[in-house]
Every structure is written in structure tokens, then in C-alpha cells.
N, C-alpha and C. Protein backbone atom coordinates (compact mmCIF):
# COMPACT_ATOMS: atom_id res chain seq x y z
N UNK A 1 37.71 -121.60 -91.83
CA UNK A 1 38.49 -122.14 -92.99
C UNK A 1 39.43 -123.01 -92.91
N UNK A 2 39.27 -124.43 -93.97
CA UNK A 2 40.97 -125.32 -93.60
C UNK A 2 41.63 -124.56 -94.54
N UNK A 3 43.11 -124.41 -94.14
CA UNK A 3 44.14 -123.87 -95.21
C UNK A 3 44.22 -125.11 -96.15
N UNK A 4 44.39 -124.85 -97.06
CA UNK A 4 44.72 -126.05 -98.20
C UNK A 4 46.38 -125.77 -98.40
N UNK A 5 47.12 -127.47 -97.63
CA UNK A 5 48.36 -127.59 -98.32
C UNK A 5 48.06 -128.25 -99.38
N UNK A 6 48.90 -127.77 -100.10
CA UNK A 6 49.37 -128.84 -101.75
C UNK A 6 50.05 -130.30 -101.01
N UNK A 7 49.80 -131.15 -102.09
CA UNK A 7 50.13 -132.70 -101.73
C UNK A 7 52.06 -132.48 -102.03
N UNK A 8 52.76 -131.69 -102.46
CA UNK A 8 54.00 -131.75 -101.95
C UNK A 8 54.29 -131.50 -100.50
N UNK A 9 53.60 -130.56 -100.30
CA UNK A 9 53.87 -129.88 -99.04
C UNK A 9 53.78 -130.94 -97.99
N UNK A 10 52.42 -131.45 -98.46
CA UNK A 10 52.72 -132.91 -97.01
C UNK A 10 53.54 -133.87 -97.24
N UNK A 11 54.06 -135.08 -98.41
CA UNK A 11 55.12 -135.08 -98.38
C UNK A 11 56.23 -134.77 -97.98
N UNK A 12 56.88 -133.32 -98.57
CA UNK A 12 57.42 -132.64 -98.30
C UNK A 12 58.14 -133.16 -96.09
N UNK A 13 56.58 -132.69 -95.62
CA UNK A 13 56.78 -132.66 -94.14
C UNK A 13 57.63 -134.44 -93.45
N UNK A 14 56.69 -135.03 -94.00
CA UNK A 14 56.63 -136.24 -93.83
C UNK A 14 57.92 -136.72 -94.32
N UNK A 15 58.48 -136.57 -95.56
CA UNK A 15 60.05 -137.20 -95.66
C UNK A 15 60.99 -136.49 -94.67
N UNK A 16 60.90 -135.41 -94.64
CA UNK A 16 61.84 -134.27 -93.39
C UNK A 16 61.81 -134.90 -92.52
N UNK A 17 60.40 -135.17 -91.64
CA UNK A 17 60.38 -135.66 -90.42
C UNK A 17 61.00 -137.15 -90.51
N UNK A 18 61.29 -137.30 -91.45
CA UNK A 18 61.49 -139.07 -91.48
C UNK A 18 62.90 -138.97 -91.66
N UNK A 19 63.44 -138.03 -92.53
CA UNK A 19 64.82 -137.87 -92.59
C UNK A 19 65.41 -137.47 -91.28
N UNK A 20 64.38 -136.70 -90.86
CA UNK A 20 65.35 -136.16 -89.23
C UNK A 20 65.52 -136.92 -88.63
N UNK A 21 64.54 -137.90 -88.31
CA UNK A 21 64.57 -139.13 -87.39
C UNK A 21 65.91 -140.23 -87.86
N UNK A 22 66.16 -140.15 -88.94
CA UNK A 22 67.23 -141.33 -89.57
C UNK A 22 68.41 -140.79 -89.58
N UNK A 23 68.18 -139.12 -89.63
CA UNK A 23 69.88 -138.12 -89.15
C UNK A 23 70.30 -138.61 -87.35
N UNK A 24 69.25 -138.39 -86.95
CA UNK A 24 69.49 -138.64 -85.62
C UNK A 24 69.51 -140.10 -85.21
N UNK A 25 69.61 -140.52 -85.81
CA UNK A 25 69.79 -142.37 -85.74
C UNK A 25 71.19 -142.67 -86.20
N UNK A 26 71.70 -141.89 -86.59
CA UNK A 26 73.02 -142.09 -87.84
C UNK A 26 72.89 -143.03 -88.87
N UNK A 27 71.41 -142.53 -89.31
CA UNK A 27 71.08 -142.75 -90.48
C UNK A 27 71.22 -143.00 -91.77
N UNK A 28 72.72 -142.11 -91.65
CA UNK A 28 72.64 -140.72 -93.29
C UNK A 28 72.40 -141.29 -94.58
N UNK A 29 72.37 -142.24 -94.83
CA UNK A 29 72.41 -142.82 -96.43
C UNK A 29 71.04 -142.41 -96.94
N UNK A 30 70.45 -142.88 -95.15
CA UNK A 30 68.85 -143.44 -95.45
C UNK A 30 68.28 -142.19 -95.64
N UNK A 31 68.92 -140.80 -94.68
CA UNK A 31 68.18 -139.89 -94.24
C UNK A 31 68.72 -138.87 -96.25
N UNK A 32 69.68 -139.45 -97.10
CA UNK A 32 69.89 -138.49 -98.14
C UNK A 32 68.79 -139.48 -99.22
N UNK A 33 68.46 -140.68 -98.83
CA UNK A 33 67.80 -140.78 -99.93
C UNK A 33 66.20 -140.97 -100.00
N UNK A 34 65.83 -140.58 -98.68
CA UNK A 34 64.19 -139.67 -98.18
C UNK A 34 64.52 -138.15 -98.59
N UNK A 35 65.22 -137.98 -98.49
CA UNK A 35 65.21 -135.86 -98.63
C UNK A 35 65.60 -135.51 -100.86
N UNK A 36 65.93 -137.08 -101.10
CA UNK A 36 67.03 -135.53 -102.40
C UNK A 36 65.21 -136.33 -103.89
N UNK A 37 64.31 -136.73 -103.24
CA UNK A 37 62.96 -137.00 -104.01
C UNK A 37 62.31 -135.88 -103.92
N UNK A 38 62.54 -135.12 -102.91
CA UNK A 38 61.49 -133.88 -102.60
C UNK A 38 62.00 -132.53 -103.19
N UNK A 39 63.58 -132.77 -103.18
CA UNK A 39 64.22 -131.34 -103.49
C UNK A 39 64.04 -130.56 -104.74
N UNK A 40 63.53 -131.59 -105.75
CA UNK A 40 62.93 -130.50 -106.69
C UNK A 40 61.72 -129.82 -106.72
N UNK A 41 60.67 -130.60 -105.67
CA UNK A 41 59.64 -130.10 -105.51
C UNK A 41 59.00 -128.64 -104.53
N UNK A 42 60.87 -128.73 -103.55
CA UNK A 42 60.68 -127.52 -102.98
C UNK A 42 61.66 -126.50 -103.94
N UNK A 43 62.64 -126.76 -104.06
CA UNK A 43 63.08 -126.16 -105.53
C UNK A 43 61.13 -125.04 -106.36
N UNK A 44 61.08 -125.92 -106.87
CA UNK A 44 60.03 -125.61 -107.86
C UNK A 44 59.03 -124.48 -106.65
N UNK A 45 58.69 -124.61 -105.51
CA UNK A 45 58.00 -123.88 -104.79
C UNK A 45 58.91 -122.72 -104.07
N UNK A 46 60.16 -122.81 -104.56
CA UNK A 46 61.08 -121.30 -103.51
C UNK A 46 60.74 -120.75 -105.25
N UNK A 47 60.43 -121.18 -106.33
CA UNK A 47 61.03 -120.69 -107.37
C UNK A 47 59.50 -119.51 -107.32
N UNK A 48 58.25 -120.29 -107.35
CA UNK A 48 57.06 -119.85 -106.96
C UNK A 48 57.25 -118.86 -106.29
N UNK A 49 57.71 -119.26 -105.26
CA UNK A 49 57.22 -118.01 -103.87
C UNK A 49 58.85 -118.18 -103.03
N UNK A 50 59.63 -116.72 -103.42
CA UNK A 50 60.81 -116.62 -103.35
C UNK A 50 61.08 -116.67 -101.48
N UNK A 51 59.76 -116.66 -100.66
CA UNK A 51 59.61 -116.74 -98.96
C UNK A 51 59.96 -118.15 -98.52
N UNK A 52 59.22 -119.21 -99.48
CA UNK A 52 59.07 -120.37 -98.80
C UNK A 52 60.67 -120.92 -98.69
N UNK A 53 60.51 -121.57 -97.13
CA UNK A 53 61.90 -121.89 -96.51
C UNK A 53 62.07 -123.47 -97.04
N UNK A 54 61.24 -124.40 -97.45
CA UNK A 54 60.92 -125.73 -97.78
C UNK A 54 62.71 -126.29 -98.11
N UNK A 55 63.11 -124.90 -99.11
CA UNK A 55 63.86 -125.66 -100.04
C UNK A 55 64.83 -125.56 -99.47
N UNK A 56 65.53 -124.31 -98.59
CA UNK A 56 66.78 -124.11 -97.76
C UNK A 56 66.85 -124.80 -96.80
N UNK A 57 65.34 -124.94 -95.87
CA UNK A 57 65.79 -126.02 -95.13
C UNK A 57 65.91 -127.60 -95.65
N UNK A 58 65.83 -127.96 -96.65
CA UNK A 58 65.93 -129.38 -97.19
C UNK A 58 67.14 -129.13 -97.58
N UNK A 59 67.57 -128.04 -97.98
CA UNK A 59 69.22 -128.17 -98.65
C UNK A 59 70.02 -128.04 -97.57
N UNK A 60 69.83 -127.88 -96.54
CA UNK A 60 70.87 -127.53 -95.49
C UNK A 60 70.79 -129.10 -94.74
N UNK A 61 69.21 -129.75 -94.24
CA UNK A 61 69.54 -131.27 -93.89
C UNK A 61 70.10 -131.89 -94.66
N UNK A 62 70.13 -131.89 -95.87
CA UNK A 62 70.96 -133.02 -97.24
C UNK A 62 72.05 -132.54 -96.90
N UNK A 63 72.54 -131.34 -96.64
CA UNK A 63 73.99 -131.24 -96.49
C UNK A 63 74.86 -131.44 -95.17
N UNK A 64 74.05 -131.94 -94.28
CA UNK A 64 73.91 -132.05 -93.17
C UNK A 64 74.41 -134.01 -93.15
N UNK A 65 73.41 -134.13 -93.58
CA UNK A 65 73.87 -135.73 -93.98
C UNK A 65 74.36 -136.01 -95.03
N UNK A 66 75.02 -135.50 -95.76
CA UNK A 66 76.38 -136.13 -96.41
C UNK A 66 77.74 -135.51 -95.75
N UNK A 67 77.79 -134.90 -94.93
CA UNK A 67 78.79 -134.24 -94.09
C UNK A 67 79.12 -135.68 -93.19
N UNK A 68 78.33 -135.76 -92.34
CA UNK A 68 78.10 -137.31 -91.63
C UNK A 68 78.50 -138.41 -92.30
N UNK A 69 78.03 -138.58 -93.31
CA UNK A 69 77.86 -139.23 -94.42
C UNK A 69 79.56 -139.37 -95.15
N UNK A 70 80.62 -138.59 -95.00
CA UNK A 70 81.63 -138.23 -95.45
C UNK A 70 82.09 -137.95 -96.93
N UNK A 71 80.89 -137.47 -97.36
CA UNK A 71 80.75 -136.83 -98.67
C UNK A 71 80.84 -135.34 -98.53
N UNK A 72 82.02 -134.89 -98.30
CA UNK A 72 82.21 -133.29 -98.64
C UNK A 72 82.30 -132.52 -99.21
N UNK A 73 82.64 -132.68 -100.24
CA UNK A 73 82.26 -132.01 -101.51
C UNK A 73 80.96 -131.39 -101.84
N UNK A 74 80.27 -132.80 -101.78
CA UNK A 74 78.36 -132.65 -101.96
C UNK A 74 77.69 -131.78 -100.97
N UNK A 75 78.84 -131.45 -99.86
CA UNK A 75 78.05 -130.92 -98.18
C UNK A 75 78.78 -129.46 -98.46
N UNK A 76 79.75 -129.15 -99.09
CA UNK A 76 80.49 -127.85 -99.36
C UNK A 76 78.88 -127.26 -99.81
N UNK A 77 78.97 -127.91 -101.37
CA UNK A 77 77.53 -127.70 -102.48
C UNK A 77 76.47 -127.60 -101.56
N UNK A 78 75.87 -127.66 -100.94
CA UNK A 78 75.04 -127.83 -100.29
C UNK A 78 74.77 -126.73 -99.48
N UNK A 79 76.11 -126.61 -98.52
CA UNK A 79 75.95 -125.10 -97.47
C UNK A 79 76.24 -124.24 -98.02
N UNK A 80 76.80 -123.96 -99.26
CA UNK A 80 76.55 -122.75 -99.66
C UNK A 80 75.96 -122.61 -100.33
N UNK A 81 75.08 -123.10 -100.88
CA UNK A 81 73.35 -122.84 -101.89
C UNK A 81 72.64 -122.80 -100.32
N UNK A 82 72.60 -123.40 -99.15
CA UNK A 82 71.55 -123.06 -97.93
C UNK A 82 72.02 -121.44 -97.96
N UNK A 83 73.13 -121.29 -97.83
CA UNK A 83 73.58 -119.94 -96.85
C UNK A 83 72.98 -119.06 -97.97
N UNK A 84 73.36 -119.03 -99.76
CA UNK A 84 72.91 -118.13 -100.54
C UNK A 84 71.27 -117.54 -100.22
N UNK A 85 71.07 -119.06 -100.17
CA UNK A 85 68.99 -118.74 -100.11
C UNK A 85 68.67 -117.96 -99.15
N UNK A 86 69.35 -118.11 -97.90
CA UNK A 86 69.09 -117.60 -96.92
C UNK A 86 69.54 -116.18 -96.57
N UNK A 87 70.65 -115.69 -97.47
CA UNK A 87 70.66 -114.45 -97.73
C UNK A 87 69.79 -113.76 -98.62
N UNK A 88 69.19 -114.56 -99.57
CA UNK A 88 68.43 -113.72 -100.52
C UNK A 88 66.78 -113.88 -100.13
N UNK A 89 66.32 -114.72 -98.58
CA UNK A 89 65.14 -114.82 -98.65
C UNK A 89 65.42 -113.43 -97.16
N UNK A 90 66.35 -113.58 -96.17
CA UNK A 90 66.25 -113.10 -95.19
C UNK A 90 67.64 -111.83 -94.81
N UNK A 91 68.43 -111.92 -95.50
CA UNK A 91 69.93 -111.05 -95.57
C UNK A 91 70.66 -112.04 -94.99
N UNK A 92 71.79 -111.10 -94.58
CA UNK A 92 73.03 -111.77 -93.60
C UNK A 92 72.11 -111.06 -92.11
N UNK A 93 71.50 -110.51 -91.19
CA UNK A 93 72.00 -110.10 -89.86
C UNK A 93 71.06 -110.60 -89.18
N UNK A 94 70.93 -112.05 -89.12
CA UNK A 94 69.95 -113.16 -88.75
C UNK A 94 70.57 -114.43 -88.38
N UNK A 95 69.89 -114.96 -87.36
CA UNK A 95 70.08 -116.32 -86.60
C UNK A 95 70.39 -117.44 -88.24
N UNK A 96 69.71 -117.46 -88.82
CA UNK A 96 70.05 -119.02 -89.52
C UNK A 96 71.05 -118.38 -90.69
N UNK A 97 71.27 -117.32 -91.00
CA UNK A 97 72.48 -116.94 -91.55
C UNK A 97 74.05 -117.14 -90.57
N UNK A 98 74.03 -116.50 -89.36
CA UNK A 98 74.75 -117.26 -88.31
C UNK A 98 75.44 -118.39 -88.52
N UNK A 99 74.27 -119.32 -88.36
CA UNK A 99 74.38 -120.81 -88.19
C UNK A 99 74.95 -121.11 -89.38
N UNK A 100 74.62 -121.38 -90.33
CA UNK A 100 74.89 -121.20 -92.01
C UNK A 100 76.75 -121.10 -92.10
N UNK A 101 76.94 -119.92 -91.89
CA UNK A 101 77.79 -119.81 -91.60
C UNK A 101 79.21 -120.37 -90.91
N UNK A 102 78.69 -120.35 -89.67
CA UNK A 102 79.58 -121.07 -89.06
C UNK A 102 79.21 -122.83 -89.23
N UNK A 103 78.49 -123.38 -89.85
CA UNK A 103 78.96 -124.78 -89.92
C UNK A 103 79.58 -125.09 -91.36
N UNK A 104 79.57 -123.81 -92.66
CA UNK A 104 80.30 -123.98 -93.28
C UNK A 104 81.81 -123.83 -92.79
N UNK A 105 82.02 -123.01 -91.82
CA UNK A 105 83.50 -122.93 -91.26
C UNK A 105 84.11 -124.10 -90.67
N UNK A 106 83.18 -124.79 -89.99
CA UNK A 106 83.13 -126.38 -89.11
C UNK A 106 83.66 -126.83 -90.11
N UNK A 107 82.95 -127.04 -91.53
CA UNK A 107 83.15 -128.24 -92.66
C UNK A 107 84.72 -127.66 -92.83
N UNK A 108 85.36 -126.43 -93.40
CA UNK A 108 86.11 -126.44 -93.57
C UNK A 108 87.68 -126.90 -92.81
N UNK A 109 86.56 -126.26 -91.45
CA UNK A 109 87.68 -126.89 -90.36
C UNK A 109 88.34 -127.92 -90.39
N UNK A 110 87.48 -128.51 -90.45
CA UNK A 110 87.36 -130.58 -90.75
C UNK A 110 88.21 -130.80 -91.99
N UNK A 111 88.25 -130.19 -92.85
CA UNK A 111 88.92 -130.43 -93.65
C UNK A 111 90.44 -130.14 -94.08
N UNK A 112 90.80 -129.14 -92.77
CA UNK A 112 92.07 -128.32 -92.81
C UNK A 112 92.30 -127.37 -93.58
N UNK A 113 90.96 -126.80 -94.34
CA UNK A 113 90.53 -125.57 -94.81
C UNK A 113 91.18 -124.26 -93.89
N UNK A 114 91.98 -124.44 -92.81
CA UNK A 114 91.65 -123.20 -92.11
C UNK A 114 91.24 -121.68 -92.44
N UNK A 115 92.28 -121.60 -93.28
CA UNK A 115 92.44 -119.84 -93.88
C UNK A 115 90.64 -119.54 -93.98
N UNK A 116 89.86 -120.39 -95.08
CA UNK A 116 88.78 -120.34 -95.24
C UNK A 116 87.83 -120.35 -93.74
N UNK A 117 88.42 -121.16 -92.90
CA UNK A 117 87.17 -121.38 -91.97
C UNK A 117 87.33 -119.94 -90.99
N UNK A 118 88.38 -119.54 -90.91
CA UNK A 118 88.87 -118.27 -90.21
C UNK A 118 88.13 -117.12 -90.46
N UNK A 119 87.65 -117.44 -92.37
CA UNK A 119 86.81 -115.80 -92.45
C UNK A 119 85.97 -116.10 -91.97
N UNK A 120 85.26 -117.39 -92.64
CA UNK A 120 83.61 -117.40 -92.11
C UNK A 120 83.72 -117.14 -90.52
N UNK A 121 84.30 -117.87 -89.56
CA UNK A 121 84.10 -117.40 -88.07
C UNK A 121 84.39 -116.38 -88.30
N UNK A 122 85.27 -115.61 -88.10
CA UNK A 122 85.30 -114.46 -88.04
C UNK A 122 83.87 -113.46 -88.53
N UNK A 123 83.55 -113.98 -90.03
CA UNK A 123 82.39 -113.25 -90.57
C UNK A 123 81.36 -113.57 -89.29
N UNK A 124 80.85 -115.17 -88.89
CA UNK A 124 79.51 -115.44 -88.19
C UNK A 124 79.77 -114.35 -86.57
N UNK A 125 81.17 -114.32 -86.31
CA UNK A 125 81.60 -113.76 -84.96
C UNK A 125 80.93 -111.92 -85.44
N UNK A 126 81.46 -111.41 -86.05
CA UNK A 126 80.94 -110.28 -86.19
C UNK A 126 79.61 -109.54 -86.58
N UNK A 127 78.47 -110.80 -87.28
CA UNK A 127 77.40 -110.49 -87.07
C UNK A 127 76.69 -110.89 -85.29
N UNK A 128 77.17 -111.92 -85.31
CA UNK A 128 76.86 -112.25 -83.88
C UNK A 128 77.11 -110.49 -82.76
N UNK A 129 77.99 -110.28 -82.52
CA UNK A 129 77.86 -109.43 -81.94
C UNK A 129 77.26 -107.97 -81.98
N UNK A 130 76.54 -108.36 -83.62
CA UNK A 130 75.85 -107.15 -83.45
C UNK A 130 74.16 -107.17 -83.34
N UNK A 131 73.99 -108.82 -83.11
CA UNK A 131 72.49 -109.57 -82.96
C UNK A 131 72.25 -110.33 -82.15
N UNK A 132 73.57 -110.59 -81.09
CA UNK A 132 73.55 -111.71 -79.83
C UNK A 132 74.54 -110.87 -78.93
N UNK A 133 73.49 -111.49 -77.47
CA UNK A 133 74.20 -110.71 -76.47
C UNK A 133 75.40 -112.01 -76.17
N UNK A 134 76.12 -111.24 -75.64
CA UNK A 134 77.68 -112.01 -75.56
C UNK A 134 77.86 -113.20 -74.67
N UNK A 135 76.54 -113.35 -73.54
CA UNK A 135 76.50 -114.28 -73.09
C UNK A 135 75.76 -115.29 -73.65
N UNK A 136 74.96 -115.34 -75.21
CA UNK A 136 74.16 -116.31 -75.82
C UNK A 136 75.44 -117.07 -75.76
N UNK A 137 74.82 -118.39 -76.05
CA UNK A 137 75.67 -119.67 -76.04
C UNK A 137 75.76 -119.81 -77.02
N UNK A 138 75.32 -119.10 -78.64
CA UNK A 138 75.70 -119.40 -79.95
C UNK A 138 76.92 -118.43 -80.13
N UNK A 139 76.79 -117.26 -79.45
CA UNK A 139 78.18 -116.50 -79.88
C UNK A 139 79.12 -116.92 -79.23
N UNK A 140 78.72 -117.85 -78.02
CA UNK A 140 80.35 -117.88 -77.08
C UNK A 140 80.91 -119.56 -78.11
N UNK A 141 79.81 -119.74 -78.70
CA UNK A 141 80.35 -121.21 -78.78
C UNK A 141 81.39 -120.79 -80.51
N UNK A 142 80.51 -119.75 -81.33
CA UNK A 142 81.77 -118.70 -82.36
C UNK A 142 82.70 -118.25 -81.87
N UNK A 143 82.91 -117.95 -80.57
CA UNK A 143 84.00 -117.52 -80.10
C UNK A 143 85.00 -118.51 -79.83
N UNK A 144 85.06 -119.51 -79.31
CA UNK A 144 85.22 -120.70 -78.76
C UNK A 144 86.16 -121.49 -80.12
N UNK A 145 84.81 -121.71 -81.34
CA UNK A 145 85.20 -122.21 -82.55
C UNK A 145 86.39 -121.53 -83.37
N UNK A 146 86.70 -120.29 -83.40
CA UNK A 146 87.69 -119.63 -83.47
C UNK A 146 88.88 -119.58 -82.65
N UNK A 147 88.82 -119.35 -81.55
CA UNK A 147 89.56 -119.70 -80.36
C UNK A 147 90.80 -121.61 -80.60
N UNK A 148 89.60 -121.59 -80.70
CA UNK A 148 89.76 -123.44 -81.44
C UNK A 148 90.71 -123.49 -82.52
N UNK A 149 90.66 -122.87 -83.66
CA UNK A 149 91.07 -122.69 -84.61
C UNK A 149 92.35 -121.87 -84.43
N UNK A 150 92.19 -121.21 -84.35
CA UNK A 150 93.63 -119.89 -83.56
C UNK A 150 94.64 -120.76 -83.30
N UNK A 151 94.32 -121.87 -82.23
CA UNK A 151 95.27 -122.78 -81.64
C UNK A 151 95.75 -123.88 -82.89
N UNK A 152 95.17 -123.98 -83.28
CA UNK A 152 95.31 -125.35 -84.46
C UNK A 152 96.39 -124.88 -85.30
N UNK A 153 95.74 -123.56 -85.77
CA UNK A 153 97.10 -123.00 -86.71
C UNK A 153 98.08 -122.19 -85.97
N UNK A 154 98.35 -122.52 -84.24
CA UNK A 154 99.58 -121.79 -83.81
C UNK A 154 99.52 -120.53 -83.97
């Protein structure tokens, strides 16, 4: 039996892949304009099926594109929304939640909002320590980011 894939999902997949290519090539404005039209459709899919992850993925990639394009206020809003969706779908004890938390911390670091970054890095590290091995590259990366932050903070 062939599974039915809604037209919006096919369009989303194509746009997401194109936006990823654009992002990887440094074409952030093009990636943003590719993703924004499908945002409402993925939100509708999420509202109908709260386990659907296309909305969170779209929000996150869109946030990343805005970050690299220098649109920091938009990035913060989108990263917070993505983090909230991951929390509502999967809870806090998982890799995507750790990654989104660390990314928001990195944004705050870049903006000089060190105290906010520290809180988030510590939160990510606490979850890291519960679910990842101490040799895991992501765990080590979080430790490193926190150490760099503390060095900058004095």
C-alpha cells in the first residue's frame, strides 16, 4: 500500500531541502524567502497533529537563517518558539532540546547577553550529564562553550 503524502508535505520537503542548500551556500535571504511561505502550512499540520515535527524544524531552520543574516531579534523569537515546541512534543530530556537550548545560549553569547547565555548553557549541560556520555562530542562542546563564556565574563 502506498502511503498518502499531503501536497503541503511534499511542498514543505522540497522547500526545506532547497532552503538547506541555500543556507549551506550562504544565501540566507533566499533560504528565508523559501521557508516563510510554508510556515503557516506546517503550523496547521502541527495544530492538527501535535507530534508533527515539520513546524519545529521549519521554525528552527528559519531562525538559523535569520541569525546568519544578522536578524537577531527574529532569531531569538524563532529559537524560543522552536525550543517551546520541542519541550511540548518531547520534553526536556532529549538531544533536540539540548541543541536548541545551546543554540539560544550561543545567540545570547553573540549578543553579549552573557548572564542569559550562562543560564542556558548550564541548563543544557545538566541535561547533557544525564543523557550523554562524558566523551560525547556534544557534551564536550557544551562544556567548552561554557568555559569560553566564563573566560569572557572574567
